[in-house]
Amino acid sequence: MAVWLMCHSPKGISSKQIERELGVTYKTAWYMTQQIRKTMINDRLGVKLSGIVEIDDAVVKSDHGKR
């Protein structure tokens, strides 16, 4: 649920808001948000999105290397 909240909050979401929404302690909410952010930026596999990427109702097109 924390991942969903973070991904569906256009302006971002604070650990304090995660605490309220999920009914967990602030320490737990802070730890979860830190781990989720770290995972989102982790590039261990070297895989990056390219081409046409479809997310929910949005379509984002990338022109990298297509010229």
PDB file of N, CA and C in Angstrom:
ATOM      1  N   MET A   1       0.823  -1.181   0.000  1.00  0.00           N
ATOM      2  CA  MET A   1       0.000   0.000   0.000  1.00  0.00           C
ATOM      3  C   MET A   1       0.874   1.254   0.000  1.00  0.00           C
ATOM      4  N   ALA A   2       1.992   1.208   0.704  1.00  0.00           N
ATOM      5  CA  ALA A   2       2.895   2.361   0.747  1.00  0.00           C
ATOM      6  C   ALA A   2       3.448   2.659  -0.648  1.00  0.00           C
ATOM      7  N   VAL A   3       3.794   1.628  -1.403  1.00  0.00           N
ATOM      8  CA  VAL A   3       4.298   1.826  -2.768  1.00  0.00           C
ATOM      9  C   VAL A   3       3.219   2.482  -3.619  1.00  0.00           C
ATOM     10  N   TRP A   4       1.993   1.990  -3.510  1.00  0.00           N
ATOM     11  CA  TRP A   4       0.890   2.556  -4.287  1.00  0.00           C
ATOM     12  C   TRP A   4       0.703   4.023  -3.943  1.00  0.00           C
ATOM     13  N   LEU A   5       0.693   4.345  -2.647  1.00  0.00           N
ATOM     14  CA  LEU A   5       0.520   5.739  -2.224  1.00  0.00           C
ATOM     15  C   LEU A   5       1.637   6.620  -2.781  1.00  0.00           C
ATOM     16  N   MET A   6       2.863   6.134  -2.742  1.00  0.00           N
ATOM     17  CA  MET A   6       3.994   6.923  -3.237  1.00  0.00           C
ATOM     18  C   MET A   6       3.905   7.130  -4.747  1.00  0.00           C
ATOM     19  N   CYS A   7       3.456   6.133  -5.460  1.00  0.00           N
ATOM     20  CA  CYS A   7       3.388   6.224  -6.920  1.00  0.00           C
ATOM     21  C   CYS A   7       2.175   7.017  -7.407  1.00  0.00           C
ATOM     22  N   HIS A   8       1.156   7.133  -6.582  1.00  0.00           N
ATOM     23  CA  HIS A   8      -0.072   7.803  -7.004  1.00  0.00           C
ATOM     24  C   HIS A   8      -0.288   9.146  -6.319  1.00  0.00           C
ATOM     25  N   SER A   9       0.752   9.715  -5.766  1.00  0.00           N
ATOM     26  CA  SER A   9       0.673  11.037  -5.148  1.00  0.00           C
ATOM     27  C   SER A   9       1.446  12.001  -6.039  1.00  0.00           C
ATOM     28  N   PRO A  10       0.741  12.816  -6.827  1.00  0.00           N
ATOM     29  CA  PRO A  10       1.402  13.687  -7.804  1.00  0.00           C
ATOM     30  C   PRO A  10       2.488  14.596  -7.219  1.00  0.00           C
ATOM     31  N   LYS A  11       2.304  15.042  -5.991  1.00  0.00           N
ATOM     32  CA  LYS A  11       3.289  15.931  -5.371  1.00  0.00           C
ATOM     33  C   LYS A  11       4.169  15.200  -4.368  1.00  0.00           C
ATOM     34  N   GLY A  12       4.090  13.894  -4.360  1.00  0.00           N
ATOM     35  CA  GLY A  12       4.852  13.113  -3.394  1.00  0.00           C
ATOM     36  C   GLY A  12       4.057  12.931  -2.114  1.00  0.00           C
ATOM     37  N   ILE A  13       4.567  12.117  -1.222  1.00  0.00           N
ATOM     38  CA  ILE A  13       3.878  11.859   0.039  1.00  0.00           C
ATOM     39  C   ILE A  13       4.917  11.749   1.139  1.00  0.00           C
ATOM     40  N   SER A  14       4.603  12.323   2.270  1.00  0.00           N
ATOM     41  CA  SER A  14       5.550  12.323   3.388  1.00  0.00           C
ATOM     42  C   SER A  14       5.421  11.037   4.198  1.00  0.00           C
ATOM     43  N   SER A  15       6.444  10.766   4.976  1.00  0.00           N
ATOM     44  CA  SER A  15       6.402   9.622   5.879  1.00  0.00           C
ATOM     45  C   SER A  15       5.286   9.815   6.903  1.00  0.00           C
ATOM     46  N   LYS A  16       5.054  11.060   7.285  1.00  0.00           N
ATOM     47  CA  LYS A  16       3.987  11.362   8.245  1.00  0.00           C
ATOM     48  C   LYS A  16       2.621  10.991   7.671  1.00  0.00           C
ATOM     49  N   GLN A  17       2.427  11.271   6.383  1.00  0.00           N
ATOM     50  CA  GLN A  17       1.157  10.920   5.746  1.00  0.00           C
ATOM     51  C   GLN A  17       1.022   9.402   5.614  1.00  0.00           C
ATOM     52  N   ILE A  18       2.109   8.721   5.300  1.00  0.00           N
ATOM     53  CA  ILE A  18       2.102   7.252   5.236  1.00  0.00           C
ATOM     54  C   ILE A  18       1.722   6.695   6.615  1.00  0.00           C
ATOM     55  N   GLU A  19       2.283   7.297   7.666  1.00  0.00           N
ATOM     56  CA  GLU A  19       1.958   6.879   9.034  1.00  0.00           C
ATOM     57  C   GLU A  19       0.448   6.949   9.280  1.00  0.00           C
ATOM     58  N   ARG A  20      -0.154   8.077   8.902  1.00  0.00           N
ATOM     59  CA  ARG A  20      -1.593   8.260   9.119  1.00  0.00           C
ATOM     60  C   ARG A  20      -2.420   7.314   8.247  1.00  0.00           C
ATOM     61  N   GLU A  21      -2.058   7.207   6.972  1.00  0.00           N
ATOM     62  CA  GLU A  21      -2.838   6.389   6.038  1.00  0.00           C
ATOM     63  C   GLU A  21      -2.815   4.903   6.385  1.00  0.00           C
ATOM     64  N   LEU A  22      -1.649   4.406   6.807  1.00  0.00           N
ATOM     65  CA  LEU A  22      -1.500   2.967   7.045  1.00  0.00           C
ATOM     66  C   LEU A  22      -1.646   2.570   8.505  1.00  0.00           C
ATOM     67  N   GLY A  23      -1.663   3.562   9.398  1.00  0.00           N
ATOM     68  CA  GLY A  23      -1.795   3.252  10.818  1.00  0.00           C
ATOM     69  C   GLY A  23      -0.580   2.568  11.402  1.00  0.00           C
ATOM     70  N   VAL A  24       0.613   2.975  10.930  1.00  0.00           N
ATOM     71  CA  VAL A  24       1.861   2.427  11.452  1.00  0.00           C
ATOM     72  C   VAL A  24       2.588   3.526  12.216  1.00  0.00           C
ATOM     73  N   THR A  25       3.661   3.172  12.909  1.00  0.00           N
ATOM     74  CA  THR A  25       4.435   4.185  13.621  1.00  0.00           C
ATOM     75  C   THR A  25       5.197   5.040  12.612  1.00  0.00           C
ATOM     76  N   TYR A  26       5.612   6.229  13.050  1.00  0.00           N
ATOM     77  CA  TYR A  26       6.394   7.101  12.167  1.00  0.00           C
ATOM     78  C   TYR A  26       7.701   6.421  11.766  1.00  0.00           C
ATOM     79  N   LYS A  27       8.324   5.749  12.712  1.00  0.00           N
ATOM     80  CA  LYS A  27       9.595   5.065  12.429  1.00  0.00           C
ATOM     81  C   LYS A  27       9.422   4.036  11.313  1.00  0.00           C
ATOM     82  N   THR A  28       8.336   3.271  11.372  1.00  0.00           N
ATOM     83  CA  THR A  28       8.051   2.274  10.336  1.00  0.00           C
ATOM     84  C   THR A  28       7.772   2.941   8.998  1.00  0.00           C
ATOM     85  N   ALA A  29       6.964   4.007   9.017  1.00  0.00           N
ATOM     86  CA  ALA A  29       6.637   4.726   7.781  1.00  0.00           C
ATOM     87  C   ALA A  29       7.897   5.318   7.151  1.00  0.00           C
ATOM     88  N   TRP A  30       8.764   5.900   7.973  1.00  0.00           N
ATOM     89  CA  TRP A  30      10.005   6.502   7.466  1.00  0.00           C
ATOM     90  C   TRP A  30      10.893   5.422   6.845  1.00  0.00           C
ATOM     91  N   TYR A  31      11.030   4.296   7.527  1.00  0.00           N
ATOM     92  CA  TYR A  31      11.854   3.204   7.016  1.00  0.00           C
ATOM     93  C   TYR A  31      11.311   2.683   5.689  1.00  0.00           C
ATOM     94  N   MET A  32       9.989   2.502   5.614  1.00  0.00           N
ATOM     95  CA  MET A  32       9.384   2.014   4.378  1.00  0.00           C
ATOM     96  C   MET A  32       9.642   2.979   3.226  1.00  0.00           C
ATOM     97  N   THR A  33       9.428   4.279   3.457  1.00  0.00           N
ATOM     98  CA  THR A  33       9.623   5.241   2.365  1.00  0.00           C
ATOM     99  C   THR A  33      11.083   5.282   1.920  1.00  0.00           C
ATOM    100  N   GLN A  34      12.008   5.177   2.868  1.00  0.00           N
ATOM    101  CA  GLN A  34      13.430   5.165   2.499  1.00  0.00           C
ATOM    102  C   GLN A  34      13.772   3.948   1.655  1.00  0.00           C
ATOM    103  N   GLN A  35      13.264   2.788   2.040  1.00  0.00           N
ATOM    104  CA  GLN A  35      13.535   1.557   1.294  1.00  0.00           C
ATOM    105  C   GLN A  35      12.893   1.589  -0.089  1.00  0.00           C
ATOM    106  N   ILE A  36      11.686   2.121  -0.172  1.00  0.00           N
ATOM    107  CA  ILE A  36      11.003   2.211  -1.464  1.00  0.00           C
ATOM    108  C   ILE A  36      11.757   3.161  -2.381  1.00  0.00           C
ATOM    109  N   ARG A  37      12.165   4.324  -1.866  1.00  0.00           N
ATOM    110  CA  ARG A  37      12.929   5.280  -2.688  1.00  0.00           C
ATOM    111  C   ARG A  37      14.250   4.682  -3.149  1.00  0.00           C
ATOM    112  N   LYS A  38      14.933   3.987  -2.249  1.00  0.00           N
ATOM    113  CA  LYS A  38      16.213   3.368  -2.605  1.00  0.00           C
ATOM    114  C   LYS A  38      16.010   2.330  -3.706  1.00  0.00           C
ATOM    115  N   THR A  39      14.950   1.553  -3.602  1.00  0.00           N
ATOM    116  CA  THR A  39      14.651   0.530  -4.612  1.00  0.00           C
ATOM    117  C   THR A  39      14.287   1.156  -5.944  1.00  0.00           C
ATOM    118  N   MET A  40      13.549   2.273  -5.915  1.00  0.00           N
ATOM    119  CA  MET A  40      13.142   2.941  -7.153  1.00  0.00           C
ATOM    120  C   MET A  40      14.336   3.472  -7.946  1.00  0.00           C
ATOM    121  N   ILE A  41      15.393   3.895  -7.259  1.00  0.00           N
ATOM    122  CA  ILE A  41      16.539   4.457  -7.985  1.00  0.00           C
ATOM    123  C   ILE A  41      17.650   3.439  -8.221  1.00  0.00           C
ATOM    124  N   ASN A  42      17.496   2.244  -7.664  1.00  0.00           N
ATOM    125  CA  ASN A  42      18.518   1.212  -7.802  1.00  0.00           C
ATOM    126  C   ASN A  42      18.614   0.762  -9.250  1.00  0.00           C
ATOM    127  N   ASP A  43      19.817   0.733  -9.774  1.00  0.00           N
ATOM    128  CA  ASP A  43      20.038   0.365 -11.169  1.00  0.00           C
ATOM    129  C   ASP A  43      20.942  -0.864 -11.262  1.00  0.00           C
ATOM    130  N   ARG A  44      20.759  -1.811 -10.354  1.00  0.00           N
ATOM    131  CA  ARG A  44      21.611  -2.999 -10.339  1.00  0.00           C
ATOM    132  C   ARG A  44      21.538  -3.794 -11.635  1.00  0.00           C
ATOM    133  N   LEU A  45      20.370  -3.885 -12.225  1.00  0.00           N
ATOM    134  CA  LEU A  45      20.206  -4.704 -13.417  1.00  0.00           C
ATOM    135  C   LEU A  45      20.584  -3.972 -14.696  1.00  0.00           C
ATOM    136  N   GLY A  46      20.788  -2.664 -14.602  1.00  0.00           N
ATOM    137  CA  GLY A  46      21.139  -1.893 -15.782  1.00  0.00           C
ATOM    138  C   GLY A  46      19.997  -1.765 -16.769  1.00  0.00           C
ATOM    139  N   VAL A  47      18.781  -2.009 -16.337  1.00  0.00           N
ATOM    140  CA  VAL A  47      17.614  -1.948 -17.214  1.00  0.00           C
ATOM    141  C   VAL A  47      16.939  -0.596 -17.052  1.00  0.00           C
ATOM    142  N   LYS A  48      16.773   0.106 -18.148  1.00  0.00           N
ATOM    143  CA  LYS A  48      16.076   1.378 -18.130  1.00  0.00           C
ATOM    144  C   LYS A  48      14.918   1.303 -19.102  1.00  0.00           C
ATOM    145  N   LEU A  49      13.885   2.057 -18.818  1.00  0.00           N
ATOM    146  CA  LEU A  49      12.727   2.069 -19.708  1.00  0.00           C
ATOM    147  C   LEU A  49      13.079   2.748 -21.021  1.00  0.00           C
ATOM    148  N   SER A  50      12.543   2.232 -22.108  1.00  0.00           N
ATOM    149  CA  SER A  50      12.747   2.860 -23.411  1.00  0.00           C
ATOM    150  C   SER A  50      11.577   2.486 -24.305  1.00  0.00           C
ATOM    151  N   GLY A  51      11.500   3.155 -25.442  1.00  0.00           N
ATOM    152  CA  GLY A  51      10.394   2.882 -26.345  1.00  0.00           C
ATOM    153  C   GLY A  51       9.098   3.437 -25.804  1.00  0.00           C
ATOM    154  N   ILE A  52       8.008   2.734 -26.036  1.00  0.00           N
ATOM    155  CA  ILE A  52       6.708   3.159 -25.535  1.00  0.00           C
ATOM    156  C   ILE A  52       6.455   2.435 -24.214  1.00  0.00           C
ATOM    157  N   VAL A  53       6.213   3.208 -23.176  1.00  0.00           N
ATOM    158  CA  VAL A  53       5.968   2.660 -21.846  1.00  0.00           C
ATOM    159  C   VAL A  53       4.549   3.019 -21.454  1.00  0.00           C
ATOM    160  N   GLU A  54       3.748   2.020 -21.131  1.00  0.00           N
ATOM    161  CA  GLU A  54       2.355   2.253 -20.763  1.00  0.00           C
ATOM    162  C   GLU A  54       2.178   2.021 -19.270  1.00  0.00           C
ATOM    163  N   ILE A  55       1.657   3.033 -18.588  1.00  0.00           N
ATOM    164  CA  ILE A  55       1.457   2.968 -17.149  1.00  0.00           C
ATOM    165  C   ILE A  55       0.038   3.412 -16.855  1.00  0.00           C
ATOM    166  N   ASP A  56      -0.764   2.542 -16.259  1.00  0.00           N
ATOM    167  CA  ASP A  56      -2.164   2.848 -15.975  1.00  0.00           C
ATOM    168  C   ASP A  56      -2.828   3.373 -17.235  1.00  0.00           C
ATOM    169  N   ASP A  57      -3.279   4.634 -17.186  1.00  0.00           N
ATOM    170  CA  ASP A  57      -3.969   5.215 -18.331  1.00  0.00           C
ATOM    171  C   ASP A  57      -3.067   6.131 -19.155  1.00  0.00           C
ATOM    172  N   ALA A  58      -1.803   6.197 -18.817  1.00  0.00           N
ATOM    173  CA  ALA A  58      -0.894   7.109 -19.497  1.00  0.00           C
ATOM    174  C   ALA A  58       0.038   6.349 -20.435  1.00  0.00           C
ATOM    175  N   VAL A  59       0.379   6.973 -21.534  1.00  0.00           N
ATOM    176  CA  VAL A  59       1.362   6.417 -22.456  1.00  0.00           C
ATOM    177  C   VAL A  59       2.482   7.439 -22.581  1.00  0.00           C
ATOM    178  N   VAL A  60       3.704   6.993 -22.296  1.00  0.00           N
ATOM    179  CA  VAL A  60       4.873   7.860 -22.368  1.00  0.00           C
ATOM    180  C   VAL A  60       5.766   7.312 -23.453  1.00  0.00           C
ATOM    181  N   LYS A  61       6.113   8.135 -24.416  1.00  0.00           N
ATOM    182  CA  LYS A  61       6.916   7.674 -25.546  1.00  0.00           C
ATOM    183  C   LYS A  61       8.326   8.232 -25.426  1.00  0.00           C
ATOM    184  N   SER A  62       9.297   7.372 -25.624  1.00  0.00           N
ATOM    185  CA  SER A  62      10.693   7.768 -25.583  1.00  0.00           C
ATOM    186  C   SER A  62      11.273   7.643 -26.994  1.00  0.00           C
ATOM    187  N   ASP A  63      12.020   8.637 -27.418  1.00  0.00           N
ATOM    188  CA  ASP A  63      12.626   8.617 -28.765  1.00  0.00           C
ATOM    189  C   ASP A  63      14.123   8.323 -28.709  1.00  0.00           C
ATOM    190  N   HIS A  64      14.617   7.737 -27.618  1.00  0.00           N
ATOM    191  CA  HIS A  64      16.042   7.445 -27.509  1.00  0.00           C
ATOM    192  C   HIS A  64      16.490   6.484 -28.601  1.00  0.00           C
ATOM    193  N   GLY A  65      17.394   6.914 -29.415  1.00  0.00           N
ATOM    194  CA  GLY A  65      17.960   6.064 -30.451  1.00  0.00           C
ATOM    195  C   GLY A  65      17.022   5.734 -31.603  1.00  0.00           C
ATOM    196  N   LYS A  66      15.964   6.453 -31.799  1.00  0.00           N
ATOM    197  CA  LYS A  66      14.981   6.141 -32.842  1.00  0.00           C
ATOM    198  C   LYS A  66      15.014   7.149 -33.989  1.00  0.00           C
ATOM    199  N   ARG A  67      16.070   7.931 -34.109  1.00  0.00           N
ATOM    200  CA  ARG A  67      16.112   8.956 -35.155  1.00  0.00           C
ATOM    201  C   ARG A  67      16.888   8.524 -36.335  1.00  0.00           C
TER     202      ARG A  67
END
